[in-house]
Amino acid sequence: MDRMGQHDTKPDRKVNVMEQKLLKKGEFFFIYDADSVLLLEDKTKRGLTPLERSLDENFGVEADKGMIYDMDGIGHKVGIRWYFPKSRFSFDDVLKKAMDMEERYRKIRDMTCPD
């Protein structure tokens, strides 16, 4: 946080996911072992440029966020990857969040792309 109590708006920690140990790969996610954190990466957002690092309200951890635009041109901040401190989260905790995300994406795919 800066002196005004705001979260840092620039991703200051560059984590090269290609250099991290892959722990689990799902259809829509990767989980990496990255030093003191477990890194959850959303595969659907891989090409998105991180614009900021800030607290993700849903997971309660720091996250790299980017911007996507809807059909009306309205921008929406979305999480790309989340940094789960190993001191607070186990691998099973992060895997549960990843599997919830996976299920949500499957439901969206089934609704929008039926057989």
C-alpha atoms as a PDB file:
ATOM      1  CA  MET A   1       0.000   0.000   0.000  1.00  0.00           C
ATOM      2  CA  ASP A   2       1.108   3.535  -0.605  1.00  0.00           C
ATOM      3  CA  ARG A   3       1.108   6.311   1.991  1.00  0.00           C
ATOM      4  CA  MET A   4      -2.530   7.142   1.186  1.00  0.00           C
ATOM      5  CA  GLY A   5      -3.628   3.609   2.112  1.00  0.00           C
ATOM      6  CA  GLN A   6      -4.250   2.693  -1.519  1.00  0.00           C
ATOM      7  CA  HIS A   7      -3.014  -0.532  -3.038  1.00  0.00           C
ATOM      8  CA  ASP A   8      -0.120  -0.379  -5.452  1.00  0.00           C
ATOM      9  CA  THR A   9      -1.486   0.073  -8.948  1.00  0.00           C
ATOM     10  CA  LYS A  10       1.558  -1.270 -10.788  1.00  0.00           C
ATOM     11  CA  PRO A  11       2.613  -4.905 -10.773  1.00  0.00           C
ATOM     12  CA  ASP A  12       5.934  -4.490  -8.965  1.00  0.00           C
ATOM     13  CA  ARG A  13       6.816  -8.154  -8.614  1.00  0.00           C
ATOM     14  CA  LYS A  14       7.569  -9.668 -11.975  1.00  0.00           C
ATOM     15  CA  VAL A  15       6.884 -13.372 -11.719  1.00  0.00           C
ATOM     16  CA  ASN A  16       7.910 -15.299 -14.779  1.00  0.00           C
ATOM     17  CA  VAL A  17       5.497 -18.216 -14.652  1.00  0.00           C
ATOM     18  CA  MET A  18       7.684 -20.160 -17.084  1.00  0.00           C
ATOM     19  CA  GLU A  19      10.386 -20.289 -14.372  1.00  0.00           C
ATOM     20  CA  GLN A  20       8.024 -21.546 -11.655  1.00  0.00           C
ATOM     21  CA  LYS A  21       7.350 -25.158 -10.738  1.00  0.00           C
ATOM     22  CA  LEU A  22       3.981 -26.251 -12.129  1.00  0.00           C
ATOM     23  CA  LEU A  23       2.021 -28.032  -9.392  1.00  0.00           C
ATOM     24  CA  LYS A  24      -1.357 -28.574 -11.071  1.00  0.00           C
ATOM     25  CA  LYS A  25      -2.853 -27.931 -14.475  1.00  0.00           C
ATOM     26  CA  GLY A  26      -6.588 -27.788 -15.114  1.00  0.00           C
ATOM     27  CA  GLU A  27      -8.584 -27.026 -18.212  1.00  0.00           C
ATOM     28  CA  PHE A  28      -8.856 -23.360 -17.212  1.00  0.00           C
ATOM     29  CA  PHE A  29      -6.052 -22.841 -14.658  1.00  0.00           C
ATOM     30  CA  PHE A  30      -2.451 -23.427 -13.647  1.00  0.00           C
ATOM     31  CA  ILE A  31      -1.121 -23.543 -10.070  1.00  0.00           C
ATOM     32  CA  TYR A  32       2.591 -22.793  -9.626  1.00  0.00           C
ATOM     33  CA  ASP A  33       4.951 -22.913  -6.670  1.00  0.00           C
ATOM     34  CA  ALA A  34       6.501 -19.427  -6.659  1.00  0.00           C
ATOM     35  CA  ASP A  35       8.818 -18.976  -3.668  1.00  0.00           C
ATOM     36  CA  SER A  36       6.660 -17.804  -0.749  1.00  0.00           C
ATOM     37  CA  VAL A  37       3.363 -17.936  -2.660  1.00  0.00           C
ATOM     38  CA  LEU A  38       1.188 -20.359  -4.549  1.00  0.00           C
ATOM     39  CA  LEU A  39       0.345 -18.716  -7.847  1.00  0.00           C
ATOM     40  CA  LEU A  40      -3.064 -19.385  -9.411  1.00  0.00           C
ATOM     41  CA  GLU A  41      -3.231 -18.325 -13.053  1.00  0.00           C
ATOM     42  CA  ASP A  42      -6.418 -18.110 -15.103  1.00  0.00           C
ATOM     43  CA  LYS A  43      -5.664 -19.713 -18.500  1.00  0.00           C
ATOM     44  CA  THR A  44      -8.446 -17.718 -20.167  1.00  0.00           C
ATOM     45  CA  LYS A  45      -6.674 -14.446 -19.278  1.00  0.00           C
ATOM     46  CA  ARG A  46      -3.107 -15.477 -20.195  1.00  0.00           C
ATOM     47  CA  GLY A  47      -2.680 -12.998 -23.055  1.00  0.00           C
ATOM     48  CA  LEU A  48      -4.098 -10.088 -21.067  1.00  0.00           C
ATOM     49  CA  THR A  49      -1.609  -7.406 -20.031  1.00  0.00           C
ATOM     50  CA  PRO A  50      -1.458  -6.893 -16.254  1.00  0.00           C
ATOM     51  CA  LEU A  51      -2.270  -3.249 -15.546  1.00  0.00           C
ATOM     52  CA  GLU A  52      -2.195  -3.303 -11.766  1.00  0.00           C
ATOM     53  CA  ARG A  53      -1.606  -5.397  -8.702  1.00  0.00           C
ATOM     54  CA  SER A  54      -4.160  -4.918  -5.972  1.00  0.00           C
ATOM     55  CA  LEU A  55      -6.204  -6.770  -3.402  1.00  0.00           C
ATOM     56  CA  ASP A  56      -8.752  -9.134  -4.906  1.00  0.00           C
ATOM     57  CA  GLU A  57     -11.879  -8.860  -2.772  1.00  0.00           C
ATOM     58  CA  ASN A  58     -13.121 -12.356  -3.678  1.00  0.00           C
ATOM     59  CA  PHE A  59      -9.976 -14.250  -2.674  1.00  0.00           C
ATOM     60  CA  GLY A  60      -8.516 -11.795  -0.151  1.00  0.00           C
ATOM     61  CA  VAL A  61      -5.050 -11.877  -1.756  1.00  0.00           C
ATOM     62  CA  GLU A  62      -2.980  -9.703  -4.069  1.00  0.00           C
ATOM     63  CA  ALA A  63      -3.782 -10.222  -7.749  1.00  0.00           C
ATOM     64  CA  ASP A  64      -2.542  -9.031 -11.116  1.00  0.00           C
ATOM     65  CA  LYS A  65      -5.484  -7.460 -12.921  1.00  0.00           C
ATOM     66  CA  GLY A  66      -6.117  -6.485 -16.491  1.00  0.00           C
ATOM     67  CA  MET A  67      -8.938  -4.870 -18.422  1.00  0.00           C
ATOM     68  CA  ILE A  68     -11.456  -6.481 -20.732  1.00  0.00           C
ATOM     69  CA  TYR A  69     -14.126  -4.607 -22.656  1.00  0.00           C
ATOM     70  CA  ASP A  70     -17.705  -5.664 -23.229  1.00  0.00           C
ATOM     71  CA  MET A  71     -19.697  -5.168 -26.433  1.00  0.00           C
ATOM     72  CA  ASP A  72     -20.634  -1.639 -25.334  1.00  0.00           C
ATOM     73  CA  GLY A  73     -16.971  -0.681 -24.901  1.00  0.00           C
ATOM     74  CA  ILE A  74     -17.197  -0.600 -21.125  1.00  0.00           C
ATOM     75  CA  GLY A  75     -14.000  -1.768 -19.414  1.00  0.00           C
ATOM     76  CA  HIS A  76     -14.019  -4.287 -16.586  1.00  0.00           C
ATOM     77  CA  LYS A  77     -11.051  -5.106 -14.334  1.00  0.00           C
ATOM     78  CA  VAL A  78     -10.472  -8.844 -14.131  1.00  0.00           C
ATOM     79  CA  GLY A  79      -8.020 -11.028 -12.259  1.00  0.00           C
ATOM     80  CA  ILE A  80      -5.294 -12.716 -14.275  1.00  0.00           C
ATOM     81  CA  ARG A  81      -3.259 -14.364 -11.509  1.00  0.00           C
ATOM     82  CA  TRP A  82      -3.533 -14.502  -7.738  1.00  0.00           C
ATOM     83  CA  TYR A  83      -0.728 -14.693  -5.164  1.00  0.00           C
ATOM     84  CA  PHE A  84      -1.682 -16.927  -2.218  1.00  0.00           C
ATOM     85  CA  PRO A  85       0.868 -16.646   0.634  1.00  0.00           C
ATOM     86  CA  LYS A  86       1.974 -20.104   1.750  1.00  0.00           C
ATOM     87  CA  SER A  87       1.835 -18.848   5.331  1.00  0.00           C
ATOM     88  CA  ARG A  88      -1.960 -18.484   5.040  1.00  0.00           C
ATOM     89  CA  PHE A  89      -3.018 -20.930   2.296  1.00  0.00           C
ATOM     90  CA  SER A  90      -2.274 -24.589   1.693  1.00  0.00           C
ATOM     91  CA  PHE A  91      -2.129 -26.172  -1.743  1.00  0.00           C
ATOM     92  CA  ASP A  92      -5.561 -27.718  -1.061  1.00  0.00           C
ATOM     93  CA  ASP A  93      -7.019 -24.257  -0.286  1.00  0.00           C
ATOM     94  CA  VAL A  94      -5.778 -22.902  -3.615  1.00  0.00           C
ATOM     95  CA  LEU A  95      -6.861 -26.028  -5.497  1.00  0.00           C
ATOM     96  CA  LYS A  96     -10.409 -25.639  -4.117  1.00  0.00           C
ATOM     97  CA  LYS A  97     -10.552 -22.066  -5.439  1.00  0.00           C
ATOM     98  CA  ALA A  98      -9.160 -23.230  -8.788  1.00  0.00           C
ATOM     99  CA  MET A  99     -11.725 -26.025  -9.067  1.00  0.00           C
ATOM    100  CA  ASP A 100     -14.539 -23.573  -8.255  1.00  0.00           C
ATOM    101  CA  MET A 101     -13.252 -21.323 -11.041  1.00  0.00           C
ATOM    102  CA  GLU A 102     -13.038 -24.334 -13.362  1.00  0.00           C
ATOM    103  CA  GLU A 103     -16.655 -25.279 -12.628  1.00  0.00           C
ATOM    104  CA  ARG A 104     -17.841 -21.705 -13.231  1.00  0.00           C
ATOM    105  CA  TYR A 105     -16.100 -21.623 -16.638  1.00  0.00           C
ATOM    106  CA  ARG A 106     -17.546 -25.024 -17.590  1.00  0.00           C
ATOM    107  CA  LYS A 107     -21.056 -23.782 -16.834  1.00  0.00           C
ATOM    108  CA  ILE A 108     -20.485 -20.673 -18.948  1.00  0.00           C
ATOM    109  CA  ARG A 109     -19.136 -22.797 -21.801  1.00  0.00           C
ATOM    110  CA  ASP A 110     -22.095 -25.188 -21.591  1.00  0.00           C
ATOM    111  CA  MET A 111     -24.557 -22.269 -21.694  1.00  0.00           C
ATOM    112  CA  THR A 112     -22.880 -20.431 -24.542  1.00  0.00           C
ATOM    113  CA  CYS A 113     -21.576 -23.366 -26.617  1.00  0.00           C
ATOM    114  CA  PRO A 114     -24.062 -26.234 -26.354  1.00  0.00           C
ATOM    115  CA  ASP A 115     -23.306 -29.454 -28.231  1.00  0.00           C
END
